[in-house]
Amino acid sequence: MLPEHAVVADLGAGTGFYSVAMGKLLPRGKVYAVEVQKDYLSKIRHKVREAHLSNIEPIWGNVEKLHGTKIHDAVTDAVIATDVLFQVEDKPGFIAETKRILKPGGKVLLIDWVTPIHGRLEHTVPRAKAQEMFESAGFAQEREIDVGARHYGMILKKL
């Protein structure tokens, strides 16, 4: 459970589904919706206006590059990374940026594909490999979460 003033980063926010949900859940908190595709940022802004939320900040940023999110060091309580890991080319860079923006003890909600994307197995990152990559970068898995048959999910904590 996140405190009511929590700061959350939705990395690879897409059209803002999780960002808007977190904005509603944490009306006294802050949500950074980081996305590299500018057309998605306009969709996020539209959803934020429709929901009458003022606590979501859409950011055009690169989640694979250190300081690419434009978020200050150690300011987020949590990071959401849903269906992003399979897409990023620089996975260690993504994990390093995630770690940089998290406070000590901050948590990552990692959800990614189990099944091949568009029939291409090389795009998936197996759950065990994802856990290994995060743990070797200074995270510990707190628990697995059930997110359906086509995805795996886990909560990781920054050590």
Protein backbone atom coordinates (compact mmCIF):
# COMPACT_ATOMS: atom_id res chain seq x y z
CA MET A 1 0.00 0.00 0.00
CA LEU A 2 1.32 3.43 -0.91
CA PRO A 3 1.02 6.46 1.38
CA GLU A 4 -1.48 9.11 0.25
CA HIS A 5 1.36 11.53 -0.66
CA ALA A 6 3.29 8.93 -2.67
CA VAL A 7 5.23 9.85 -5.79
CA VAL A 8 4.93 7.31 -8.59
CA ALA A 9 6.57 7.09 -12.01
CA ASP A 10 4.80 5.21 -14.79
CA LEU A 11 7.68 4.38 -17.14
CA GLY A 12 6.59 3.72 -20.69
CA ALA A 13 3.18 5.10 -19.78
CA GLY A 14 1.64 4.43 -23.18
CA THR A 15 -1.77 6.06 -23.32
CA GLY A 16 -1.82 6.60 -19.56
CA PHE A 17 -4.03 3.79 -18.24
CA TYR A 18 -1.94 3.20 -15.11
CA SER A 19 -1.01 6.87 -14.72
CA VAL A 20 -4.65 7.97 -14.57
CA ALA A 21 -5.56 5.10 -12.25
CA MET A 22 -2.73 6.08 -9.87
CA GLY A 23 -3.69 9.74 -10.10
CA LYS A 24 -7.20 8.85 -8.92
CA LEU A 25 -5.90 6.50 -6.23
CA LEU A 26 -3.42 9.07 -4.87
CA PRO A 27 -5.16 12.47 -5.06
CA ARG A 28 -2.55 13.98 -2.71
CA GLY A 29 0.33 12.27 -4.46
CA LYS A 30 2.18 12.87 -7.72
CA VAL A 31 2.38 10.73 -10.84
CA TYR A 32 5.00 11.13 -13.55
CA ALA A 33 3.78 9.60 -16.83
CA VAL A 34 6.98 9.10 -18.83
CA GLU A 35 6.59 8.23 -22.49
CA VAL A 36 8.87 8.48 -25.52
CA GLN A 37 6.08 8.63 -28.13
CA LYS A 38 4.76 12.17 -28.35
CA ASP A 39 1.36 11.14 -29.74
CA TYR A 40 0.79 9.06 -26.61
CA LEU A 41 1.63 12.06 -24.44
CA SER A 42 -1.22 14.00 -26.03
CA LYS A 43 -3.55 11.09 -25.27
CA ILE A 44 -2.38 11.11 -21.65
CA ARG A 45 -2.98 14.86 -21.38
CA HIS A 46 -6.48 14.39 -22.80
CA LYS A 47 -7.29 11.61 -20.30
CA VAL A 48 -5.93 13.71 -17.43
CA ARG A 49 -8.17 16.65 -18.45
CA GLU A 50 -11.20 14.37 -18.80
CA ALA A 51 -10.59 12.93 -15.33
CA HIS A 52 -10.07 16.43 -13.84
CA LEU A 53 -6.74 15.42 -12.32
CA SER A 54 -3.98 17.87 -11.47
CA ASN A 55 -1.46 15.45 -9.97
CA ILE A 56 -0.20 13.82 -13.17
CA GLU A 57 2.75 15.23 -15.06
CA PRO A 58 3.26 13.80 -18.56
CA ILE A 59 6.96 13.77 -19.50
CA TRP A 60 8.54 13.14 -22.86
CA GLY A 61 11.52 11.04 -21.85
CA ASN A 62 13.79 8.12 -22.54
CA VAL A 63 13.41 5.36 -19.94
CA GLU A 64 16.54 3.55 -21.18
CA LYS A 65 18.98 6.38 -20.54
CA LEU A 66 20.34 7.56 -17.19
CA HIS A 67 18.53 10.85 -16.41
CA GLY A 68 16.39 10.26 -19.52
CA THR A 69 13.15 10.45 -17.54
CA LYS A 70 14.03 13.97 -16.36
CA ILE A 71 12.93 12.98 -12.85
CA HIS A 72 15.24 13.94 -9.97
CA ASP A 73 17.28 11.33 -8.09
CA ALA A 74 15.53 9.29 -5.38
CA VAL A 75 12.14 11.03 -5.46
CA THR A 76 9.73 8.24 -6.34
CA ASP A 77 8.18 5.83 -3.89
CA ALA A 78 7.18 3.46 -6.67
CA VAL A 79 7.71 2.76 -10.36
CA ILE A 80 5.23 1.07 -12.65
CA ALA A 81 6.77 -0.82 -15.58
CA THR A 82 4.04 -2.61 -17.48
CA ASP A 83 4.78 -4.24 -20.83
CA VAL A 84 7.96 -2.17 -21.13
CA LEU A 85 10.86 -4.50 -20.40
CA PHE A 86 10.33 -6.52 -23.57
CA GLN A 87 10.43 -3.31 -25.64
CA VAL A 88 13.52 -1.58 -24.32
CA GLU A 89 16.78 -2.29 -26.11
CA ASP A 90 19.02 -1.18 -23.23
CA LYS A 91 17.58 -3.24 -20.38
CA PRO A 92 20.47 -2.47 -17.96
CA GLY A 93 20.00 1.25 -18.76
CA PHE A 94 16.28 0.96 -18.03
CA ILE A 95 16.93 -0.77 -14.72
CA ALA A 96 19.60 1.80 -13.77
CA GLU A 97 17.22 4.69 -14.50
CA THR A 98 14.50 2.97 -12.48
CA LYS A 99 16.89 2.57 -9.56
CA ARG A 100 18.12 6.17 -9.82
CA ILE A 101 14.67 7.73 -9.48
CA LEU A 102 13.50 5.45 -6.65
CA LYS A 103 13.92 6.34 -3.00
CA PRO A 104 15.75 3.75 -0.86
CA GLY A 105 13.23 1.00 -0.23
CA GLY A 106 11.14 2.14 -3.19
CA LYS A 107 9.23 -0.49 -5.12
CA VAL A 108 8.79 -1.52 -8.73
CA LEU A 109 5.65 -3.09 -10.10
CA LEU A 110 6.99 -5.09 -13.04
CA ILE A 111 4.50 -6.70 -15.42
CA ASP A 112 5.58 -8.19 -18.71
CA TRP A 113 4.66 -10.77 -21.32
CA VAL A 114 4.98 -14.53 -20.87
CA THR A 115 3.71 -15.35 -24.34
CA PRO A 116 5.51 -14.29 -27.50
CA ILE A 117 4.70 -10.83 -28.81
CA HIS A 118 3.23 -11.01 -32.31
CA GLY A 119 4.54 -14.56 -32.50
CA ARG A 120 8.15 -13.49 -31.92
CA LEU A 121 9.68 -15.27 -28.94
CA GLU A 122 12.83 -13.11 -28.98
CA HIS A 123 10.82 -10.12 -27.74
CA THR A 124 9.83 -11.71 -24.44
CA VAL A 125 11.93 -11.56 -21.28
CA PRO A 126 11.32 -14.64 -19.13
CA ARG A 127 10.24 -13.95 -15.56
CA ALA A 128 13.36 -15.58 -14.08
CA LYS A 129 15.63 -13.51 -16.36
CA ALA A 130 13.81 -10.27 -15.42
CA GLN A 131 14.15 -11.09 -11.73
CA GLU A 132 17.84 -11.89 -12.18
CA MET A 133 18.50 -8.60 -14.03
CA PHE A 134 16.82 -6.53 -11.32
CA GLU A 135 18.42 -8.44 -8.44
CA SER A 136 21.90 -8.07 -9.94
CA ALA A 137 21.26 -4.30 -10.07
CA GLY A 138 20.40 -3.97 -6.37
CA PHE A 139 16.75 -5.00 -6.08
CA ALA A 140 15.09 -7.84 -4.18
CA GLN A 141 11.89 -9.51 -5.24
CA GLU A 142 9.26 -9.06 -2.54
CA ARG A 143 6.58 -11.18 -4.15
CA GLU A 144 5.08 -12.44 -7.35
CA ILE A 145 1.63 -11.26 -8.36
CA ASP A 146 -0.94 -13.00 -10.52
CA VAL A 147 -1.68 -10.90 -13.59
CA GLY A 148 -3.20 -13.58 -15.81
CA ALA A 149 -1.91 -16.31 -18.07
CA ARG A 150 -0.26 -14.08 -20.69
CA HIS A 151 1.82 -11.98 -18.27
CA TYR A 152 3.97 -12.35 -15.18
CA GLY A 153 4.12 -9.83 -12.40
CA MET A 154 6.33 -9.08 -9.44
CA ILE A 155 7.04 -6.44 -6.86
CA LEU A 156 10.72 -5.61 -6.46
CA LYS A 157 12.24 -3.45 -3.73
CA LYS A 158 15.28 -1.21 -4.12
CA LEU A 159 17.88 -2.24 -1.55
